[in-house]
Structures are given as structure tokens and as C-alpha cells.
Amino acid sequence: MSFWQLTFVLLIYIPIVLLWIFSLMNLAGRKDLSGLAKGLWAVAIVFLPLIGMIVYFATIPEPESPDPKPEPTEDGDG
């Protein structure tokens, strides 16, 4: 294996494969999507890997903070 082939494998191919696996695992663990939506996303990620992953990660909603701070009241009781 030449230097450039090894560089391509280590710096480009392996990170893309790891990101592909992570995106499928993330998709499987999401509770906010129905089974049909998960299936369609999985098809997009598997058959259009780079584009599917970019669109998937761009459209994930922001996680809600687990402990929202209460709003202070005007009368000073809070």
C-alpha cells in the first residue's frame, strides 16, 4: 500500500465509516421518530451515505434542557 493510499484510508475513509455507524446508532436510539421515519432515514443514510448523514445531522432537533430554570416573579418571591 502506498503512502497516499494509506493516508486516504486513515484520514478520510475510516472517519466517514465511523460517522456512518454513529449516525445509524443515533437514529436507532431516537424516541421522537416513528418506525416509518426511522426506516426512511436509514435508507437515506445507507444509500446516500455522505449526503444522508449531512442532512440527518443538520435536521436533528436541539435537545431540551433537562432542568429548566423557573422564571423569576415580579413580586420577588421566586
Protein backbone atom coordinates (compact mmCIF):
# COMPACT_ATOMS: atom_id res chain seq x y z
CA MET A 1 0.00 0.00 0.00
CA SER A 2 1.45 3.36 -0.97
CA PHE A 3 1.70 6.35 1.29
CA TRP A 4 -1.22 8.14 -0.40
CA GLN A 5 -3.49 5.12 -0.23
CA LEU A 6 -2.75 4.72 3.47
CA THR A 7 -3.34 8.45 4.03
CA PHE A 8 -6.69 8.24 2.24
CA VAL A 9 -7.75 5.24 4.32
CA LEU A 10 -6.70 6.69 7.67
CA LEU A 11 -7.77 10.29 7.22
CA ILE A 12 -10.85 10.06 5.02
CA TYR A 13 -12.34 6.59 4.70
CA ILE A 14 -12.22 5.39 8.33
CA PRO A 15 -13.71 8.61 9.82
CA ILE A 16 -16.54 8.53 7.26
CA VAL A 17 -17.30 4.89 8.09
CA LEU A 18 -17.26 5.65 11.83
CA LEU A 19 -19.57 8.63 11.30
CA TRP A 20 -21.87 6.44 9.20
CA ILE A 21 -22.07 3.84 12.01
CA PHE A 22 -22.62 6.57 14.62
CA SER A 23 -25.45 8.13 12.60
CA LEU A 24 -27.24 4.77 12.29
CA MET A 25 -26.83 4.12 16.02
CA ASN A 26 -28.07 7.61 16.83
CA LEU A 27 -31.06 7.08 14.55
CA ALA A 28 -31.93 3.76 16.22
CA GLY A 29 -31.90 5.38 19.66
CA ARG A 30 -34.17 8.31 18.87
CA LYS A 31 -37.54 8.23 20.60
CA ASP A 32 -39.11 11.15 18.72
CA LEU A 33 -39.32 9.38 15.34
CA SER A 34 -41.83 6.77 14.23
CA GLY A 35 -40.76 3.47 12.75
CA LEU A 36 -41.51 4.65 9.22
CA ALA A 37 -39.44 7.81 9.69
CA LYS A 38 -36.53 5.79 11.08
CA GLY A 39 -36.74 3.43 8.14
CA LEU A 40 -36.72 6.26 5.61
CA TRP A 41 -33.79 7.93 7.33
CA ALA A 42 -31.91 4.61 7.42
CA VAL A 43 -32.46 4.14 3.68
CA ALA A 44 -31.21 7.69 3.02
CA ILE A 45 -28.13 7.17 5.21
CA VAL A 46 -27.27 3.77 3.73
CA PHE A 47 -27.83 4.54 0.05
CA LEU A 48 -26.65 8.18 0.06
CA PRO A 49 -24.02 7.98 2.81
CA LEU A 50 -22.37 11.39 2.80
CA ILE A 51 -25.41 13.43 1.77
CA GLY A 52 -27.72 11.39 4.01
CA MET A 53 -25.51 11.89 7.07
CA ILE A 54 -25.12 15.62 6.49
CA VAL A 55 -28.86 16.16 6.08
CA TYR A 56 -29.65 13.86 9.04
CA PHE A 57 -27.32 15.69 11.44
CA ALA A 58 -28.47 19.08 10.16
CA THR A 59 -32.12 18.27 10.86
CA ILE A 60 -31.78 16.77 14.35
CA PRO A 61 -33.74 19.00 16.77
CA GLU A 62 -31.94 20.71 19.63
CA PRO A 63 -32.12 18.67 22.85
CA GLU A 64 -34.25 20.22 25.55
CA SER A 65 -32.50 21.16 28.74
CA PRO A 66 -33.40 18.59 31.41
CA ASP A 67 -33.77 21.14 34.22
CA PRO A 68 -35.23 24.46 33.06
CA LYS A 69 -34.82 27.33 35.49
CA PRO A 70 -38.07 28.81 36.81
CA GLU A 71 -38.91 32.31 35.68
CA PRO A 72 -38.49 34.91 38.40
CA THR A 73 -41.71 36.56 39.52
CA GLU A 74 -42.18 40.31 39.72
CA ASP A 75 -43.07 40.34 43.42
CA GLY A 76 -39.70 38.91 44.42
CA ASP A 77 -40.97 35.55 45.72
CA GLY A 78 -39.02 33.41 43.37
